[in-house]
Amino acid sequence: MNEYFRSRFNRQPIEVISGDYYFGSDNDGDNFDKNDVDLWLNGVFKDRWDKAFKVEDDLLSYFFTDVLDVFDENPTPFMEIACGPGMGLTPIILSKYPDIVCLATDACSLLIKSWRQYINHDLKEFNIDLASFSAMDMPIKDNSLDMVTSFIGVSSTRSGEQGKIRALKEIFRVLRKGGCLIAIENEWSDIEAIKNVFQLWGRPMWAGMKEDTTWYEKFEKCGFTVEKTDKTFFRYLNRDDNELGEQADKYGIKIGLKFTLFILRK
């Protein structure tokens, strides 16, 4: 763990493996297994990293310049929350600023261990620290970071609306005054279509799919100043996204997803 981030933790990890910190947060993460690990290490990590790094991913490439504009003003170390199997915005940022120190985090310990294995073998040229903790309970000191990034990290938080609010409050807490959150978050464009799919599927609708408030309202509620919110990307859910995508494809129902880039200040 680089000293920059080591000094910013406010409590000791439960476990340290290969220099990475683990805080026992698996209950707040995705339930991945060995089959997922095999997929990650045998192509998924490389494919997702390369597409983002080389600006070949349609969604990430759409926001590429806007994200880097923020770092052009202040190329500072950053923390990526809920990095997932694509590591969020990290590949984009490191494609231009390869020497920046970053901390990629996720609640799932298996994912973090797998990323460490891949980084040590294929991404050794970058200063990527890793830690496993929940975005809803960050072991980071108050007012200690200049930059936090999220690529549907807050959107993916467990516990629905309240989980998103908890994560945003934690991000606000750990940012310094004037610190920045770069967040690309998504929202469903047609709740009725989603309800229809779940009804045909014979399952209850997943928690948190119907938003009680807009993202703008969530950010303001948690204290952020919204600097930018005018760039959006729309696509339809597909069968490769998740189980809902499979069912929507099965029943011939289109479910829209809107992604918005938010630049936020504390």
C-alpha atoms as a PDB file:
ATOM      1  CA  MET A   1       0.000   0.000   0.000  1.00  0.00           C
ATOM      2  CA  ASN A   2       1.395   3.366  -1.039  1.00  0.00           C
ATOM      3  CA  GLU A   3       2.014   5.756   1.851  1.00  0.00           C
ATOM      4  CA  TYR A   4      -0.372   8.309   0.335  1.00  0.00           C
ATOM      5  CA  PHE A   5      -3.339   6.012   0.886  1.00  0.00           C
ATOM      6  CA  ARG A   6      -1.986   4.092   3.894  1.00  0.00           C
ATOM      7  CA  SER A   7      -2.005   7.306   5.908  1.00  0.00           C
ATOM      8  CA  ARG A   8      -5.636   8.010   5.021  1.00  0.00           C
ATOM      9  CA  PHE A   9      -7.244   4.940   6.587  1.00  0.00           C
ATOM     10  CA  ASN A  10      -8.974   5.552   9.915  1.00  0.00           C
ATOM     11  CA  ARG A  11      -8.956   1.966  11.182  1.00  0.00           C
ATOM     12  CA  GLN A  12      -6.950  -1.209  10.845  1.00  0.00           C
ATOM     13  CA  PRO A  13      -7.980  -3.798   8.251  1.00  0.00           C
ATOM     14  CA  ILE A  14      -9.143  -7.230   9.332  1.00  0.00           C
ATOM     15  CA  GLU A  15      -6.595  -8.739   6.982  1.00  0.00           C
ATOM     16  CA  VAL A  16      -3.688  -7.598   4.808  1.00  0.00           C
ATOM     17  CA  ILE A  17      -2.863  -9.711   1.751  1.00  0.00           C
ATOM     18  CA  SER A  18      -0.086  -8.731  -0.673  1.00  0.00           C
ATOM     19  CA  GLY A  19      -0.201  -5.241   0.804  1.00  0.00           C
ATOM     20  CA  ASP A  20      -3.932  -4.819   0.119  1.00  0.00           C
ATOM     21  CA  TYR A  21      -6.446  -4.091   2.896  1.00  0.00           C
ATOM     22  CA  TYR A  22      -9.533  -6.206   3.593  1.00  0.00           C
ATOM     23  CA  PHE A  23     -12.337  -5.070   5.895  1.00  0.00           C
ATOM     24  CA  GLY A  24     -14.793  -8.006   5.812  1.00  0.00           C
ATOM     25  CA  SER A  25     -17.358  -6.321   3.577  1.00  0.00           C
ATOM     26  CA  ASP A  26     -18.456  -9.255   1.400  1.00  0.00           C
ATOM     27  CA  ASN A  27     -22.079  -9.022   2.550  1.00  0.00           C
ATOM     28  CA  ASP A  28     -22.295  -5.637   0.811  1.00  0.00           C
ATOM     29  CA  GLY A  29     -20.777  -6.888  -2.447  1.00  0.00           C
ATOM     30  CA  ASP A  30     -21.713  -9.058  -5.404  1.00  0.00           C
ATOM     31  CA  ASN A  31     -21.752 -12.815  -4.886  1.00  0.00           C
ATOM     32  CA  PHE A  32     -18.992 -13.828  -7.283  1.00  0.00           C
ATOM     33  CA  ASP A  33     -17.450 -17.312  -7.279  1.00  0.00           C
ATOM     34  CA  LYS A  34     -14.551 -19.329  -8.722  1.00  0.00           C
ATOM     35  CA  ASN A  35     -16.213 -19.471 -12.136  1.00  0.00           C
ATOM     36  CA  ASP A  36     -16.175 -15.671 -12.238  1.00  0.00           C
ATOM     37  CA  VAL A  37     -12.508 -15.639 -11.235  1.00  0.00           C
ATOM     38  CA  ASP A  38     -11.653 -17.967 -14.113  1.00  0.00           C
ATOM     39  CA  LEU A  39     -13.496 -15.682 -16.544  1.00  0.00           C
ATOM     40  CA  TRP A  40     -11.816 -12.555 -15.175  1.00  0.00           C
ATOM     41  CA  LEU A  41      -8.289 -13.928 -15.311  1.00  0.00           C
ATOM     42  CA  ASN A  42      -8.762 -15.591 -18.677  1.00  0.00           C
ATOM     43  CA  GLY A  43      -9.923 -12.613 -20.668  1.00  0.00           C
ATOM     44  CA  VAL A  44     -12.537 -10.423 -18.973  1.00  0.00           C
ATOM     45  CA  PHE A  45     -10.094  -8.201 -17.041  1.00  0.00           C
ATOM     46  CA  LYS A  46      -7.870  -7.772 -20.093  1.00  0.00           C
ATOM     47  CA  ASP A  47     -10.766  -7.134 -22.465  1.00  0.00           C
ATOM     48  CA  ARG A  48     -12.453  -4.531 -20.260  1.00  0.00           C
ATOM     49  CA  TRP A  49      -9.213  -2.786 -19.336  1.00  0.00           C
ATOM     50  CA  ASP A  50      -8.004  -2.648 -22.945  1.00  0.00           C
ATOM     51  CA  LYS A  51     -11.314  -1.335 -24.282  1.00  0.00           C
ATOM     52  CA  ALA A  52     -11.409   1.474 -21.713  1.00  0.00           C
ATOM     53  CA  PHE A  53      -7.671   2.221 -21.910  1.00  0.00           C
ATOM     54  CA  LYS A  54      -7.725   2.357 -25.721  1.00  0.00           C
ATOM     55  CA  VAL A  55     -11.055   4.220 -25.829  1.00  0.00           C
ATOM     56  CA  GLU A  56     -12.802   1.366 -27.630  1.00  0.00           C
ATOM     57  CA  ASP A  57     -15.728   1.073 -25.221  1.00  0.00           C
ATOM     58  CA  ASP A  58     -18.705   3.016 -26.640  1.00  0.00           C
ATOM     59  CA  LEU A  59     -20.011   4.160 -23.262  1.00  0.00           C
ATOM     60  CA  LEU A  60     -16.712   5.098 -21.631  1.00  0.00           C
ATOM     61  CA  SER A  61     -15.331   6.687 -24.798  1.00  0.00           C
ATOM     62  CA  TYR A  62     -18.347   9.003 -24.888  1.00  0.00           C
ATOM     63  CA  PHE A  63     -17.304  10.489 -21.527  1.00  0.00           C
ATOM     64  CA  PHE A  64     -13.533  10.122 -22.035  1.00  0.00           C
ATOM     65  CA  THR A  65     -12.636  13.763 -22.698  1.00  0.00           C
ATOM     66  CA  ASP A  66     -14.897  15.134 -19.960  1.00  0.00           C
ATOM     67  CA  VAL A  67     -13.359  12.862 -17.320  1.00  0.00           C
ATOM     68  CA  LEU A  68      -9.808  13.734 -18.338  1.00  0.00           C
ATOM     69  CA  ASP A  69     -10.602  17.457 -18.402  1.00  0.00           C
ATOM     70  CA  VAL A  70     -11.026  17.306 -14.619  1.00  0.00           C
ATOM     71  CA  PHE A  71      -7.639  15.633 -14.198  1.00  0.00           C
ATOM     72  CA  ASP A  72      -6.009  18.083 -16.598  1.00  0.00           C
ATOM     73  CA  GLU A  73      -6.861  20.780 -14.056  1.00  0.00           C
ATOM     74  CA  ASN A  74      -5.590  18.723 -11.107  1.00  0.00           C
ATOM     75  CA  PRO A  75      -3.860  15.364 -11.818  1.00  0.00           C
ATOM     76  CA  THR A  76      -4.194  14.102  -8.248  1.00  0.00           C
ATOM     77  CA  PRO A  77      -4.323  10.635  -6.647  1.00  0.00           C
ATOM     78  CA  PHE A  78      -7.869   9.256  -6.642  1.00  0.00           C
ATOM     79  CA  MET A  79     -10.008   6.546  -5.093  1.00  0.00           C
ATOM     80  CA  GLU A  80     -12.314   4.437  -7.282  1.00  0.00           C
ATOM     81  CA  ILE A  81     -15.341   3.033  -5.444  1.00  0.00           C
ATOM     82  CA  ALA A  82     -17.087  -0.259  -6.306  1.00  0.00           C
ATOM     83  CA  CYS A  83     -14.600  -0.807  -9.122  1.00  0.00           C
ATOM     84  CA  GLY A  84     -16.088  -4.119 -10.317  1.00  0.00           C
ATOM     85  CA  PRO A  85     -14.528  -6.301 -13.042  1.00  0.00           C
ATOM     86  CA  GLY A  86     -13.868  -3.260 -15.258  1.00  0.00           C
ATOM     87  CA  MET A  87     -12.170  -1.090 -12.599  1.00  0.00           C
ATOM     88  CA  GLY A  88     -14.464   1.817 -13.346  1.00  0.00           C
ATOM     89  CA  LEU A  89     -12.865   5.017 -14.630  1.00  0.00           C
ATOM     90  CA  THR A  90      -9.344   3.971 -13.622  1.00  0.00           C
ATOM     91  CA  PRO A  91      -8.213   2.731 -17.083  1.00  0.00           C
ATOM     92  CA  ILE A  92      -9.342   6.001 -18.685  1.00  0.00           C
ATOM     93  CA  ILE A  93      -7.449   8.130 -16.182  1.00  0.00           C
ATOM     94  CA  LEU A  94      -4.267   6.045 -16.241  1.00  0.00           C
ATOM     95  CA  SER A  95      -4.243   6.049 -20.050  1.00  0.00           C
ATOM     96  CA  LYS A  96      -3.212   9.720 -19.869  1.00  0.00           C
ATOM     97  CA  TYR A  97      -1.733   9.904 -16.372  1.00  0.00           C
ATOM     98  CA  PRO A  98       0.013   6.541 -15.850  1.00  0.00           C
ATOM     99  CA  ASP A  99       2.031   7.744 -12.855  1.00  0.00           C
ATOM    100  CA  ILE A 100      -0.924   8.797 -10.710  1.00  0.00           C
ATOM    101  CA  VAL A 101      -1.344   6.741  -7.547  1.00  0.00           C
ATOM    102  CA  CYS A 102      -4.840   5.314  -7.220  1.00  0.00           C
ATOM    103  CA  LEU A 103      -6.811   3.151  -4.811  1.00  0.00           C
ATOM    104  CA  ALA A 104      -9.337   0.816  -6.447  1.00  0.00           C
ATOM    105  CA  THR A 105     -11.921  -0.536  -4.014  1.00  0.00           C
ATOM    106  CA  ASP A 106     -14.797  -2.989  -3.986  1.00  0.00           C
ATOM    107  CA  ALA A 107     -16.832  -4.717  -1.282  1.00  0.00           C
ATOM    108  CA  CYS A 108     -16.148  -8.154  -2.808  1.00  0.00           C
ATOM    109  CA  SER A 109     -12.860  -9.552  -1.468  1.00  0.00           C
ATOM    110  CA  LEU A 110     -12.669 -12.224  -4.181  1.00  0.00           C
ATOM    111  CA  LEU A 111     -12.728  -9.531  -6.859  1.00  0.00           C
ATOM    112  CA  ILE A 112      -9.951  -7.546  -5.174  1.00  0.00           C
ATOM    113  CA  LYS A 113      -7.760 -10.647  -4.758  1.00  0.00           C
ATOM    114  CA  SER A 114      -8.287 -11.435  -8.439  1.00  0.00           C
ATOM    115  CA  TRP A 115      -7.432  -7.901  -9.491  1.00  0.00           C
ATOM    116  CA  ARG A 116      -4.198  -8.091  -7.470  1.00  0.00           C
ATOM    117  CA  GLN A 117      -3.233 -11.288  -9.267  1.00  0.00           C
ATOM    118  CA  TYR A 118      -3.914  -9.680 -12.644  1.00  0.00           C
ATOM    119  CA  ILE A 119      -2.202  -6.370 -11.813  1.00  0.00           C
ATOM    120  CA  ASN A 120       0.953  -8.093 -10.564  1.00  0.00           C
ATOM    121  CA  HIS A 121       1.187 -10.010 -13.821  1.00  0.00           C
ATOM    122  CA  ASP A 122      -0.125  -7.607 -16.474  1.00  0.00           C
ATOM    123  CA  LEU A 123      -0.344  -4.052 -15.089  1.00  0.00           C
ATOM    124  CA  LYS A 124       2.880  -3.719 -13.114  1.00  0.00           C
ATOM    125  CA  GLU A 125       3.676  -0.352 -14.688  1.00  0.00           C
ATOM    126  CA  PHE A 126       0.847   1.351 -12.756  1.00  0.00           C
ATOM    127  CA  ASN A 127       0.616   2.406  -9.094  1.00  0.00           C
ATOM    128  CA  ILE A 128      -2.683   0.690  -8.311  1.00  0.00           C
ATOM    129  CA  ASP A 129      -3.413   0.029  -4.639  1.00  0.00           C
ATOM    130  CA  LEU A 130      -6.387  -2.155  -3.728  1.00  0.00           C
ATOM    131  CA  ALA A 131      -8.731  -2.435  -0.763  1.00  0.00           C
ATOM    132  CA  SER A 132     -11.934  -4.331  -0.074  1.00  0.00           C
ATOM    133  CA  PHE A 133     -14.563  -2.336   1.798  1.00  0.00           C
ATOM    134  CA  SER A 134     -18.138  -1.179   1.378  1.00  0.00           C
ATOM    135  CA  ALA A 135     -18.883   2.178  -0.208  1.00  0.00           C
ATOM    136  CA  MET A 136     -21.491   2.571   2.542  1.00  0.00           C
ATOM    137  CA  ASP A 137     -18.871   2.277   5.313  1.00  0.00           C
ATOM    138  CA  MET A 138     -15.502   3.590   4.186  1.00  0.00           C
ATOM    139  CA  PRO A 139     -12.519   3.131   6.552  1.00  0.00           C
ATOM    140  CA  ILE A 140     -11.118   6.473   5.373  1.00  0.00           C
ATOM    141  CA  LYS A 141     -10.410   9.600   7.424  1.00  0.00           C
ATOM    142  CA  ASP A 142     -12.655  12.649   7.169  1.00  0.00           C
ATOM    143  CA  ASN A 143     -11.587  15.359   4.709  1.00  0.00           C
ATOM    144  CA  SER A 144      -8.610  13.350   3.447  1.00  0.00           C
ATOM    145  CA  LEU A 145      -9.067  12.871  -0.325  1.00  0.00           C
ATOM    146  CA  ASP A 146      -9.035  15.266  -3.273  1.00  0.00           C
ATOM    147  CA  MET A 147     -10.708  12.972  -5.805  1.00  0.00           C
ATOM    148  CA  VAL A 148     -13.177  10.069  -5.808  1.00  0.00           C
ATOM    149  CA  THR A 149     -14.416   8.361  -8.971  1.00  0.00           C
ATOM    150  CA  SER A 150     -17.409   6.128  -9.622  1.00  0.00           C
ATOM    151  CA  PHE A 151     -18.550   4.325 -12.750  1.00  0.00           C
ATOM    152  CA  ILE A 152     -22.030   3.132 -11.698  1.00  0.00           C
ATOM    153  CA  GLY A 153     -20.443   2.453  -8.308  1.00  0.00           C
ATOM    154  CA  VAL A 154     -23.100   4.340  -6.374  1.00  0.00           C
ATOM    155  CA  SER A 155     -25.787   2.973  -8.711  1.00  0.00           C
ATOM    156  CA  SER A 156     -24.702  -0.574  -7.819  1.00  0.00           C
ATOM    157  CA  THR A 157     -24.764  -0.068  -4.066  1.00  0.00           C
ATOM    158  CA  ARG A 158     -26.879  -2.535  -2.119  1.00  0.00           C
ATOM    159  CA  SER A 159     -29.850  -1.440   0.027  1.00  0.00           C
ATOM    160  CA  GLY A 160     -31.647   0.559  -2.663  1.00  0.00           C
ATOM    161  CA  GLU A 161     -32.215   4.280  -2.240  1.00  0.00           C
ATOM    162  CA  GLN A 162     -30.882   4.369   1.311  1.00  0.00           C
ATOM    163  CA  GLY A 163     -27.738   2.533   0.251  1.00  0.00           C
ATOM    164  CA  LYS A 164     -27.032   5.153  -2.403  1.00  0.00           C
ATOM    165  CA  ILE A 165     -27.548   7.957   0.097  1.00  0.00           C
ATOM    166  CA  ARG A 166     -25.229   6.274   2.608  1.00  0.00           C
ATOM    167  CA  ALA A 167     -22.536   5.865  -0.048  1.00  0.00           C
ATOM    168  CA  LEU A 168     -22.831   9.494  -1.155  1.00  0.00           C
ATOM    169  CA  LYS A 169     -22.635  10.718   2.436  1.00  0.00           C
ATOM    170  CA  GLU A 170     -19.489   8.642   2.923  1.00  0.00           C
ATOM    171  CA  ILE A 171     -17.908  10.075  -0.224  1.00  0.00           C
ATOM    172  CA  PHE A 172     -18.770  13.596   0.922  1.00  0.00           C
ATOM    173  CA  ARG A 173     -17.266  12.871   4.343  1.00  0.00           C
ATOM    174  CA  VAL A 174     -13.895  11.639   3.035  1.00  0.00           C
ATOM    175  CA  LEU A 175     -13.448  14.420   0.460  1.00  0.00           C
ATOM    176  CA  ARG A 176     -11.605  17.581   1.389  1.00  0.00           C
ATOM    177  CA  LYS A 177     -13.309  20.951   1.025  1.00  0.00           C
ATOM    178  CA  GLY A 178     -13.219  21.616  -2.712  1.00  0.00           C
ATOM    179  CA  GLY A 179     -12.635  17.931  -3.435  1.00  0.00           C
ATOM    180  CA  CYS A 180     -14.240  16.367  -6.492  1.00  0.00           C
ATOM    181  CA  LEU A 181     -16.456  13.372  -7.196  1.00  0.00           C
ATOM    182  CA  ILE A 182     -16.558  12.255 -10.833  1.00  0.00           C
ATOM    183  CA  ALA A 183     -19.541   9.943 -11.148  1.00  0.00           C
ATOM    184  CA  ILE A 184     -21.112   8.264 -14.149  1.00  0.00           C
ATOM    185  CA  GLU A 185     -24.336   6.808 -12.772  1.00  0.00           C
ATOM    186  CA  ASN A 186     -27.301   5.172 -14.431  1.00  0.00           C
ATOM    187  CA  GLU A 187     -31.059   5.158 -14.086  1.00  0.00           C
ATOM    188  CA  TRP A 188     -33.878   3.162 -15.641  1.00  0.00           C
ATOM    189  CA  SER A 189     -35.911   5.000 -18.250  1.00  0.00           C
ATOM    190  CA  ASP A 190     -39.060   2.834 -18.203  1.00  0.00           C
ATOM    191  CA  ILE A 191     -40.164   1.367 -14.874  1.00  0.00           C
ATOM    192  CA  GLU A 192     -43.391   0.012 -16.399  1.00  0.00           C
ATOM    193  CA  ALA A 193     -41.399  -2.110 -18.859  1.00  0.00           C
ATOM    194  CA  ILE A 194     -39.314  -3.428 -15.972  1.00  0.00           C
ATOM    195  CA  LYS A 195     -42.430  -4.288 -13.959  1.00  0.00           C
ATOM    196  CA  ASN A 196     -43.788  -6.134 -16.985  1.00  0.00           C
ATOM    197  CA  VAL A 197     -40.633  -8.246 -17.324  1.00  0.00           C
ATOM    198  CA  PHE A 198     -40.620  -9.184 -13.641  1.00  0.00           C
ATOM    199  CA  GLN A 199     -44.311 -10.081 -13.812  1.00  0.00           C
ATOM    200  CA  LEU A 200     -43.724 -12.383 -16.792  1.00  0.00           C
ATOM    201  CA  TRP A 201     -40.630 -13.755 -15.069  1.00  0.00           C
ATOM    202  CA  GLY A 202     -42.640 -14.510 -11.944  1.00  0.00           C
ATOM    203  CA  ARG A 203     -40.293 -12.700  -9.584  1.00  0.00           C
ATOM    204  CA  PRO A 204     -40.610  -9.596  -7.396  1.00  0.00           C
ATOM    205  CA  MET A 205     -38.942  -6.473  -8.739  1.00  0.00           C
ATOM    206  CA  TRP A 206     -35.444  -5.931  -7.368  1.00  0.00           C
ATOM    207  CA  ALA A 207     -35.086  -3.441  -4.532  1.00  0.00           C
ATOM    208  CA  GLY A 208     -33.953   0.042  -5.472  1.00  0.00           C
ATOM    209  CA  MET A 209     -34.986  -0.064  -9.129  1.00  0.00           C
ATOM    210  CA  LYS A 210     -37.626   2.609  -8.648  1.00  0.00           C
ATOM    211  CA  GLU A 211     -35.930   5.812  -7.555  1.00  0.00           C
ATOM    212  CA  ASP A 212     -37.548   7.941  -4.859  1.00  0.00           C
ATOM    213  CA  THR A 213     -35.477  10.978  -5.853  1.00  0.00           C
ATOM    214  CA  THR A 214     -33.414  12.090  -8.849  1.00  0.00           C
ATOM    215  CA  TRP A 215     -29.633  11.877  -8.797  1.00  0.00           C
ATOM    216  CA  TYR A 216     -29.480  15.665  -8.628  1.00  0.00           C
ATOM    217  CA  GLU A 217     -31.679  15.615  -5.520  1.00  0.00           C
ATOM    218  CA  LYS A 218     -29.552  12.886  -3.937  1.00  0.00           C
ATOM    219  CA  PHE A 219     -26.341  14.829  -4.515  1.00  0.00           C
ATOM    220  CA  GLU A 220     -27.762  18.045  -3.093  1.00  0.00           C
ATOM    221  CA  LYS A 221     -29.219  16.199  -0.103  1.00  0.00           C
ATOM    222  CA  CYS A 222     -25.739  14.884   0.709  1.00  0.00           C
ATOM    223  CA  GLY A 223     -24.152  18.339   0.473  1.00  0.00           C
ATOM    224  CA  PHE A 224     -22.555  18.314  -2.983  1.00  0.00           C
ATOM    225  CA  THR A 225     -22.458  21.223  -5.391  1.00  0.00           C
ATOM    226  CA  VAL A 226     -23.310  19.964  -8.875  1.00  0.00           C
ATOM    227  CA  GLU A 227     -20.935  21.495 -11.445  1.00  0.00           C
ATOM    228  CA  LYS A 228     -21.813  19.409 -14.499  1.00  0.00           C
ATOM    229  CA  THR A 229     -24.757  17.182 -15.364  1.00  0.00           C
ATOM    230  CA  ASP A 230     -25.465  17.828 -19.037  1.00  0.00           C
ATOM    231  CA  LYS A 231     -23.891  14.823 -20.760  1.00  0.00           C
ATOM    232  CA  THR A 232     -25.875  11.593 -21.036  1.00  0.00           C
ATOM    233  CA  PHE A 233     -25.620   8.284 -22.887  1.00  0.00           C
ATOM    234  CA  PHE A 234     -28.605   6.039 -23.617  1.00  0.00           C
ATOM    235  CA  ARG A 235     -28.681   2.367 -24.491  1.00  0.00           C
ATOM    236  CA  TYR A 236     -30.950  -0.644 -24.077  1.00  0.00           C
ATOM    237  CA  LEU A 237     -30.284  -3.411 -21.607  1.00  0.00           C
ATOM    238  CA  ASN A 238     -29.067  -6.525 -23.399  1.00  0.00           C
ATOM    239  CA  ARG A 239     -29.033 -10.205 -22.552  1.00  0.00           C
ATOM    240  CA  ASP A 240     -25.336 -10.157 -21.646  1.00  0.00           C
ATOM    241  CA  ASP A 241     -25.784  -7.490 -18.949  1.00  0.00           C
ATOM    242  CA  ASN A 242     -27.538  -9.546 -16.280  1.00  0.00           C
ATOM    243  CA  GLU A 243     -30.501 -11.829 -15.563  1.00  0.00           C
ATOM    244  CA  LEU A 244     -32.968  -9.010 -16.157  1.00  0.00           C
ATOM    245  CA  GLY A 245     -31.429  -8.437 -19.571  1.00  0.00           C
ATOM    246  CA  GLU A 246     -31.831 -12.126 -20.379  1.00  0.00           C
ATOM    247  CA  GLN A 247     -35.496 -12.059 -19.421  1.00  0.00           C
ATOM    248  CA  ALA A 248     -36.194  -8.815 -21.293  1.00  0.00           C
ATOM    249  CA  ASP A 249     -34.653 -10.349 -24.410  1.00  0.00           C
ATOM    250  CA  LYS A 250     -36.677 -13.535 -23.902  1.00  0.00           C
ATOM    251  CA  TYR A 251     -39.972 -11.628 -23.796  1.00  0.00           C
ATOM    252  CA  GLY A 252     -39.028  -9.074 -26.451  1.00  0.00           C
ATOM    253  CA  ILE A 253     -39.276  -6.100 -24.082  1.00  0.00           C
ATOM    254  CA  LYS A 254     -36.874  -3.155 -24.368  1.00  0.00           C
ATOM    255  CA  ILE A 255     -35.553  -1.664 -21.140  1.00  0.00           C
ATOM    256  CA  GLY A 256     -33.694   1.624 -21.461  1.00  0.00           C
ATOM    257  CA  LEU A 257     -30.700   2.718 -19.394  1.00  0.00           C
ATOM    258  CA  LYS A 258     -29.572   6.339 -19.188  1.00  0.00           C
ATOM    259  CA  PHE A 259     -26.027   7.099 -18.027  1.00  0.00           C
ATOM    260  CA  THR A 260     -25.183  10.619 -16.860  1.00  0.00           C
ATOM    261  CA  LEU A 261     -21.809  12.174 -16.088  1.00  0.00           C
ATOM    262  CA  PHE A 262     -21.837  14.238 -12.887  1.00  0.00           C
ATOM    263  CA  ILE A 263     -18.969  16.482 -11.786  1.00  0.00           C
ATOM    264  CA  LEU A 264     -19.517  17.312  -8.113  1.00  0.00           C
ATOM    265  CA  ARG A 265     -17.701  19.396  -5.523  1.00  0.00           C
ATOM    266  CA  LYS A 266     -17.661  19.418  -1.757  1.00  0.00           C
END
